[in-house]
């Protein structure tokens, strides 16, 4: 079995091992593959492992042996599932590997806004505390989380874990979810409009669909409190970035913590670049070392299961 890994640099910089995958067959590993080179690199491959490379109908047409697409991710919108099925190929993702990491990063962004840790550390680095006349200075306002309301949009595994952390801080939690019947922990479910009006912090944890693209836009931002914080560790397309930038720059809302953008890597003309009170991290919520080790182990298990005739985590109809 020939295995080709197209974009290994998206999951490892030699700090976690691909050996569990490459040991399963004859392997070729590329750190990065431009989309135009994908058919050439997969020409005689039986299996491809990738993260964001586009596996299109044209790729399948050019690669007759390709029967397995394994993803370094939960999302699979980079793969033409209908074409894969027509080609007789199986597509497998990795659900649930990053729950703890993304919930943790959500609170890193929340605490970055409310505790101003980076801002205070920057003043100390500039000598602001050296020989200051008092033992402490607190010119940058900070706020407690206890008693504040966190509105979670999407209540899957990551949303639920985020809610658990919030309650440990003494916060109130409400949710808007398309499956309220699955909420088993007593969290109040409500409309998006109600959640936006009520919440001090709104955190997005839903998948991106055609129906919820730009869910956060000028109209929905107008419903939020002027003191509210928006967090997005889900998908960039959930947010109208120009509308959010306008809301931040005008003081319509107090801040945002963003880990995902509509276009990645970030473009120079991104509306959120240098927007006021906006913390942006480069899509790293999923990326702690332990999380990536777990991911690579599960990718190897998916490939092994397919090789042995019992594929798991299949996201398309079986060919």
Protein backbone atom coordinates (compact mmCIF):
# COMPACT_ATOMS: atom_id res chain seq x y z
CA UNK A 1 0.00 0.00 0.00
CA UNK A 2 1.39 3.37 -1.00
CA UNK A 3 0.57 6.20 1.42
CA UNK A 4 1.16 9.86 0.58
CA UNK A 5 1.05 12.55 3.26
CA UNK A 6 0.56 15.87 1.51
CA UNK A 7 0.87 18.51 4.24
CA UNK A 8 2.74 17.09 7.22
CA UNK A 9 3.85 20.56 8.33
CA UNK A 10 0.27 21.31 9.37
CA UNK A 11 0.53 18.75 12.18
CA UNK A 12 4.19 18.39 13.11
CA UNK A 13 7.43 20.33 13.09
CA UNK A 14 9.37 17.22 14.12
CA UNK A 15 7.92 17.51 17.62
CA UNK A 16 5.38 14.68 17.18
CA UNK A 17 6.01 11.53 15.17
CA UNK A 18 4.36 10.32 11.96
CA UNK A 19 5.82 6.83 12.42
CA UNK A 20 2.49 5.27 13.38
CA UNK A 21 1.16 6.23 9.94
CA UNK A 22 4.22 5.71 7.77
CA UNK A 23 4.81 2.23 9.22
CA UNK A 24 1.57 1.02 7.64
CA UNK A 25 2.89 1.02 4.07
CA UNK A 26 5.27 2.58 1.58
CA UNK A 27 5.09 6.24 2.54
CA UNK A 28 5.97 9.52 0.86
CA UNK A 29 5.83 12.57 3.11
CA UNK A 30 5.58 16.15 1.91
CA UNK A 31 5.61 19.07 4.31
CA UNK A 32 3.44 21.20 2.02
CA UNK A 33 1.75 20.57 -1.31
CA UNK A 34 0.32 23.28 -3.55
CA UNK A 35 -3.07 22.21 -4.86
CA UNK A 36 -1.81 22.14 -8.45
CA UNK A 37 0.73 19.41 -7.52
CA UNK A 38 -1.74 17.11 -5.77
CA UNK A 39 -2.65 14.93 -8.80
CA UNK A 40 1.03 14.40 -9.63
CA UNK A 41 1.95 13.41 -6.07
CA UNK A 42 -1.03 11.07 -5.75
CA UNK A 43 -0.74 9.51 -9.21
CA UNK A 44 0.10 6.02 -7.91
CA UNK A 45 -1.12 6.36 -4.32
CA UNK A 46 -3.56 3.99 -2.66
CA UNK A 47 -4.12 6.29 0.31
CA UNK A 48 -3.69 9.99 0.97
CA UNK A 49 -3.46 11.69 4.37
CA UNK A 50 -3.96 15.45 4.44
CA UNK A 51 -5.33 18.35 6.41
CA UNK A 52 -6.44 21.18 4.14
CA UNK A 53 -5.32 20.09 0.66
CA UNK A 54 -8.20 20.04 -1.85
CA UNK A 55 -9.14 16.52 -2.89
CA UNK A 56 -11.46 17.25 -5.79
CA UNK A 57 -13.18 15.24 -8.49
CA UNK A 58 -10.30 16.14 -10.79
CA UNK A 59 -7.88 14.59 -8.31
CA UNK A 60 -9.86 11.37 -8.17
CA UNK A 61 -10.13 11.26 -11.98
CA UNK A 62 -6.35 11.61 -12.25
CA UNK A 63 -5.57 9.02 -9.55
CA UNK A 64 -7.23 5.68 -10.37
CA UNK A 65 -5.62 3.79 -7.48
CA UNK A 66 -6.69 6.27 -4.79
CA UNK A 67 -9.20 4.53 -2.53
CA UNK A 68 -8.65 6.16 0.86
CA UNK A 69 -8.62 9.76 2.04
CA UNK A 70 -7.63 10.21 5.67
CA UNK A 71 -7.91 13.61 7.30
CA UNK A 72 -5.72 15.22 9.94
CA UNK A 73 -8.89 16.97 11.09
CA UNK A 74 -12.52 16.72 12.10
CA UNK A 75 -13.67 18.95 9.24
CA UNK A 76 -13.78 17.52 5.72
CA UNK A 77 -15.01 20.37 3.54
CA UNK A 78 -11.77 20.16 1.51
CA UNK A 79 -12.83 16.77 0.10
CA UNK A 80 -15.47 16.28 -2.61
CA UNK A 81 -17.41 13.52 -0.85
CA UNK A 82 -19.68 12.79 -3.80
CA UNK A 83 -16.69 12.37 -6.07
CA UNK A 84 -14.99 10.14 -3.51
CA UNK A 85 -18.05 7.89 -3.36
CA UNK A 86 -18.34 7.77 -7.14
CA UNK A 87 -14.66 6.79 -7.27
CA UNK A 88 -15.13 4.04 -4.68
CA UNK A 89 -12.96 5.81 -2.12
CA UNK A 90 -13.50 5.98 1.64
CA UNK A 91 -13.06 9.31 3.46
CA UNK A 92 -12.32 9.22 7.20
CA UNK A 93 -12.02 12.09 9.68
CA UNK A 94 -10.97 12.31 13.34
CA UNK A 95 -13.82 13.51 15.56
CA UNK A 96 -13.41 14.60 19.15
CA UNK A 97 -9.63 14.68 19.44
CA UNK A 98 -9.32 18.37 20.38
CA UNK A 99 -12.16 18.92 22.86
CA UNK A 100 -9.98 19.77 25.86
CA UNK A 101 -7.54 21.86 23.84
CA UNK A 102 -10.17 24.05 22.18
CA UNK A 103 -12.09 24.61 25.41
CA UNK A 104 -8.81 25.55 27.10
CA UNK A 105 -7.95 28.03 24.34
CA UNK A 106 -11.42 29.50 24.54
CA UNK A 107 -10.70 30.46 28.13
CA UNK A 108 -7.21 31.67 27.26
CA UNK A 109 -8.89 34.21 24.98
CA UNK A 110 -11.53 35.07 27.58
CA UNK A 111 -8.95 35.55 30.31
CA UNK A 112 -6.73 37.52 27.97
CA UNK A 113 -9.55 40.02 27.61
CA UNK A 114 -10.70 40.17 31.24
CA UNK A 115 -7.35 39.82 33.06
CA UNK A 116 -5.21 41.84 30.61
CA UNK A 117 -2.26 39.60 31.44
CA UNK A 118 -0.36 40.41 28.25
CA UNK A 119 -0.97 44.14 28.68
CA UNK A 120 0.33 44.18 32.24
CA UNK A 121 3.31 41.98 31.36
CA UNK A 122 4.18 44.39 28.54
CA UNK A 123 4.25 47.33 30.97
CA UNK A 124 6.55 45.38 33.30
CA UNK A 125 8.84 44.49 30.38
CA UNK A 126 9.10 48.21 29.63
CA UNK A 127 10.21 48.91 33.21
CA UNK A 128 6.89 50.21 34.48
CA UNK A 129 7.13 48.37 37.82
CA UNK A 130 10.78 49.13 38.51
CA UNK A 131 10.93 51.49 41.47
CA UNK A 132 7.22 52.28 41.19
CA UNK A 133 6.14 54.25 44.25
CA UNK A 134 3.51 51.65 45.28
CA UNK A 135 3.63 47.88 45.56
CA UNK A 136 1.03 47.50 42.80
CA UNK A 137 -0.40 49.46 39.93
CA UNK A 138 -3.71 48.73 38.24
CA UNK A 139 -4.29 51.39 35.62
CA UNK A 140 -5.60 48.80 33.15
CA UNK A 141 -9.08 47.68 34.32
CA UNK A 142 -9.66 43.96 34.89
CA UNK A 143 -12.87 42.10 35.69
CA UNK A 144 -14.05 38.92 37.41
CA UNK A 145 -15.70 36.09 35.50
CA UNK A 146 -17.80 34.96 38.46
CA UNK A 147 -21.44 35.91 37.95
CA UNK A 148 -21.09 36.68 34.25
CA UNK A 149 -23.19 34.87 31.63
CA UNK A 150 -21.52 32.80 28.94
CA UNK A 151 -23.65 32.13 25.88
CA UNK A 152 -22.46 29.06 23.97
CA UNK A 153 -23.58 28.72 20.35
CA UNK A 154 -23.42 25.02 19.56
CA UNK A 155 -23.48 22.48 22.37
CA UNK A 156 -21.46 19.53 21.18
CA UNK A 157 -18.46 18.09 23.00
CA UNK A 158 -16.44 21.31 22.93
CA UNK A 159 -19.41 23.45 23.92
CA UNK A 160 -20.16 21.17 26.86
CA UNK A 161 -16.54 21.17 28.03
CA UNK A 162 -16.46 24.96 27.78
CA UNK A 163 -19.60 25.10 29.91
CA UNK A 164 -17.97 22.92 32.58
CA UNK A 165 -14.99 25.27 32.80
CA UNK A 166 -17.29 28.28 32.94
CA UNK A 167 -19.21 26.85 35.88
CA UNK A 168 -15.93 26.26 37.71
CA UNK A 169 -15.36 30.01 37.42
CA UNK A 170 -18.80 30.65 38.90
CA UNK A 171 -20.33 31.74 35.62
CA UNK A 172 -23.87 31.26 34.38
CA UNK A 173 -24.20 29.31 31.12
CA UNK A 174 -26.89 29.41 28.43
CA UNK A 175 -26.87 27.87 24.97
CA UNK A 176 -28.34 28.08 21.51
CA UNK A 177 -28.22 24.72 19.75
CA UNK A 178 -29.98 23.04 16.85
CA UNK A 179 -30.44 19.96 19.06
CA UNK A 180 -31.89 21.23 22.36
CA UNK A 181 -33.29 17.79 23.08
CA UNK A 182 -29.71 16.53 23.52
CA UNK A 183 -28.86 19.02 26.28
CA UNK A 184 -28.81 16.81 29.38
CA UNK A 185 -27.06 19.00 31.96
CA UNK A 186 -29.79 21.52 32.65
CA UNK A 187 -28.24 24.34 30.62
CA UNK A 188 -31.02 26.73 29.51
CA UNK A 189 -31.61 26.61 25.73
CA UNK A 190 -32.83 29.70 23.95
CA UNK A 191 -33.01 31.46 20.61
CA UNK A 192 -29.88 33.07 19.24
CA UNK A 193 -31.44 36.48 19.69
CA UNK A 194 -32.16 35.85 23.37
CA UNK A 195 -28.65 34.52 23.93
CA UNK A 196 -27.01 37.52 22.28
CA UNK A 197 -29.02 39.99 24.36
CA UNK A 198 -28.38 38.18 27.64
CA UNK A 199 -24.74 37.10 27.41
CA UNK A 200 -21.65 38.89 28.65
CA UNK A 201 -19.55 36.53 26.54
CA UNK A 202 -20.69 34.78 23.35
CA UNK A 203 -18.57 31.78 22.33
CA UNK A 204 -19.04 29.98 19.01
CA UNK A 205 -18.72 26.18 19.00
CA UNK A 206 -20.86 25.12 16.05
CA UNK A 207 -19.89 23.68 12.66
CA UNK A 208 -19.97 25.96 9.62
CA UNK A 209 -22.91 25.23 7.32
CA UNK A 210 -24.59 26.97 4.43
CA UNK A 211 -27.34 28.03 6.83
CA UNK A 212 -25.14 29.68 9.47
CA UNK A 213 -22.47 31.35 7.32
CA UNK A 214 -21.95 34.86 8.76
CA UNK A 215 -24.19 34.02 11.67
CA UNK A 216 -22.49 36.88 13.48
CA UNK A 217 -23.15 39.96 11.35
CA UNK A 218 -24.12 43.60 11.74
CA UNK A 219 -27.68 42.69 12.76
CA UNK A 220 -26.74 40.08 15.34
CA UNK A 221 -23.87 42.17 16.72
CA UNK A 222 -26.36 44.98 17.28
CA UNK A 223 -28.21 42.72 19.75
CA UNK A 224 -25.17 42.24 22.00
CA UNK A 225 -24.34 44.24 25.10
CA UNK A 226 -21.82 47.08 24.62
CA UNK A 227 -19.72 45.32 27.29
CA UNK A 228 -19.89 41.95 25.53
CA UNK A 229 -17.00 39.80 24.31
CA UNK A 230 -17.20 37.55 21.22
CA UNK A 231 -15.08 34.39 21.03
CA UNK A 232 -14.65 32.30 17.88
CA UNK A 233 -12.61 29.10 18.05
CA UNK A 234 -14.92 27.30 15.60
CA UNK A 235 -14.83 28.41 11.95
CA UNK A 236 -14.02 31.83 10.52
CA UNK A 237 -16.96 31.78 8.13
CA UNK A 238 -19.37 32.03 11.05
CA UNK A 239 -18.43 35.72 11.40
CA UNK A 240 -18.82 38.65 9.05
CA UNK A 241 -15.35 40.01 9.75
CA UNK A 242 -16.00 43.50 8.35
CA UNK A 243 -19.10 43.87 10.52
CA UNK A 244 -17.20 42.66 13.59
CA UNK A 245 -14.35 45.08 12.90
CA UNK A 246 -16.86 47.92 12.65
CA UNK A 247 -18.46 46.86 15.94
CA UNK A 248 -15.08 46.76 17.69
CA UNK A 249 -13.74 49.98 16.27
CA UNK A 250 -16.94 51.87 17.08
CA UNK A 251 -17.19 50.43 20.60
CA UNK A 252 -20.45 48.65 19.78
CA UNK A 253 -19.05 45.61 21.61
CA UNK A 254 -16.11 45.53 24.01
CA UNK A 255 -13.85 42.92 22.49
CA UNK A 256 -13.27 39.75 20.52
CA UNK A 257 -11.02 36.70 20.78
CA UNK A 258 -10.54 35.05 17.38
CA UNK A 259 -8.67 31.86 16.50
CA UNK A 260 -10.16 31.21 13.05
CA UNK A 261 -10.63 33.44 10.03
CA UNK A 262 -12.58 33.21 6.79
CA UNK A 263 -9.34 33.05 4.81
CA UNK A 264 -6.34 31.26 6.28
CA UNK A 265 -3.52 32.09 6.37
CA UNK A 266 -4.60 35.63 7.26
CA UNK A 267 -4.72 38.05 4.36
CA UNK A 268 -3.19 41.50 4.56
CA UNK A 269 -6.61 43.02 3.90
CA UNK A 270 -8.35 41.08 6.70
CA UNK A 271 -10.82 43.49 8.30
CA UNK A 272 -9.92 42.29 11.79
CA UNK A 273 -6.19 42.95 11.41
CA UNK A 274 -5.42 45.63 14.03
CA UNK A 275 -9.09 46.09 14.95
CA UNK A 276 -9.54 47.56 18.44
CA UNK A 277 -9.69 45.19 21.42
CA UNK A 278 -9.30 42.12 19.21
CA UNK A 279 -7.03 39.24 20.20
CA UNK A 280 -6.21 37.04 17.19
CA UNK A 281 -4.35 33.74 17.40
CA UNK A 282 -3.35 31.82 14.23
CA UNK A 283 -5.75 28.81 14.37
CA UNK A 284 -3.85 27.12 17.19
CA UNK A 285 -6.61 26.14 19.61
CA UNK A 286 -6.32 22.50 18.45
CA UNK A 287 -2.51 22.38 18.46
CA UNK A 288 -1.07 21.47 21.90
CA UNK A 289 1.52 18.71 21.63
CA UNK A 290 -0.64 16.19 23.48
CA UNK A 291 -3.57 16.97 21.18
CA UNK A 292 -1.51 16.45 18.04
CA UNK A 293 -0.08 13.20 19.41
CA UNK A 294 -3.65 12.01 19.99
CA UNK A 295 -4.64 13.14 16.49
CA UNK A 296 -1.81 11.28 14.76
CA UNK A 297 -2.57 8.14 16.72
CA UNK A 298 -6.20 8.27 15.63
CA UNK A 299 -5.25 8.97 12.01
CA UNK A 300 -3.09 5.83 12.09
CA UNK A 301 -5.94 3.82 13.63
CA UNK A 302 -8.31 5.01 10.88
CA UNK A 303 -5.87 3.97 8.15
CA UNK A 304 -5.20 0.60 9.79
CA UNK A 305 -8.92 -0.11 10.13
CA UNK A 306 -9.50 0.66 6.45
CA UNK A 307 -6.54 -1.49 5.41
CA UNK A 308 -7.97 -4.36 7.45
CA UNK A 309 -11.40 -4.05 5.82
CA UNK A 310 -13.37 -2.41 8.67
CA UNK A 311 -13.15 1.36 8.16
CA UNK A 312 -14.18 3.67 11.00
CA UNK A 313 -15.07 7.37 11.16
CA UNK A 314 -16.28 7.25 7.55
CA UNK A 315 -17.90 10.51 6.44
CA UNK A 316 -19.08 9.52 2.95
CA UNK A 317 -21.20 6.69 1.63
CA UNK A 318 -19.06 3.66 1.09
CA UNK A 319 -18.02 3.07 -2.47
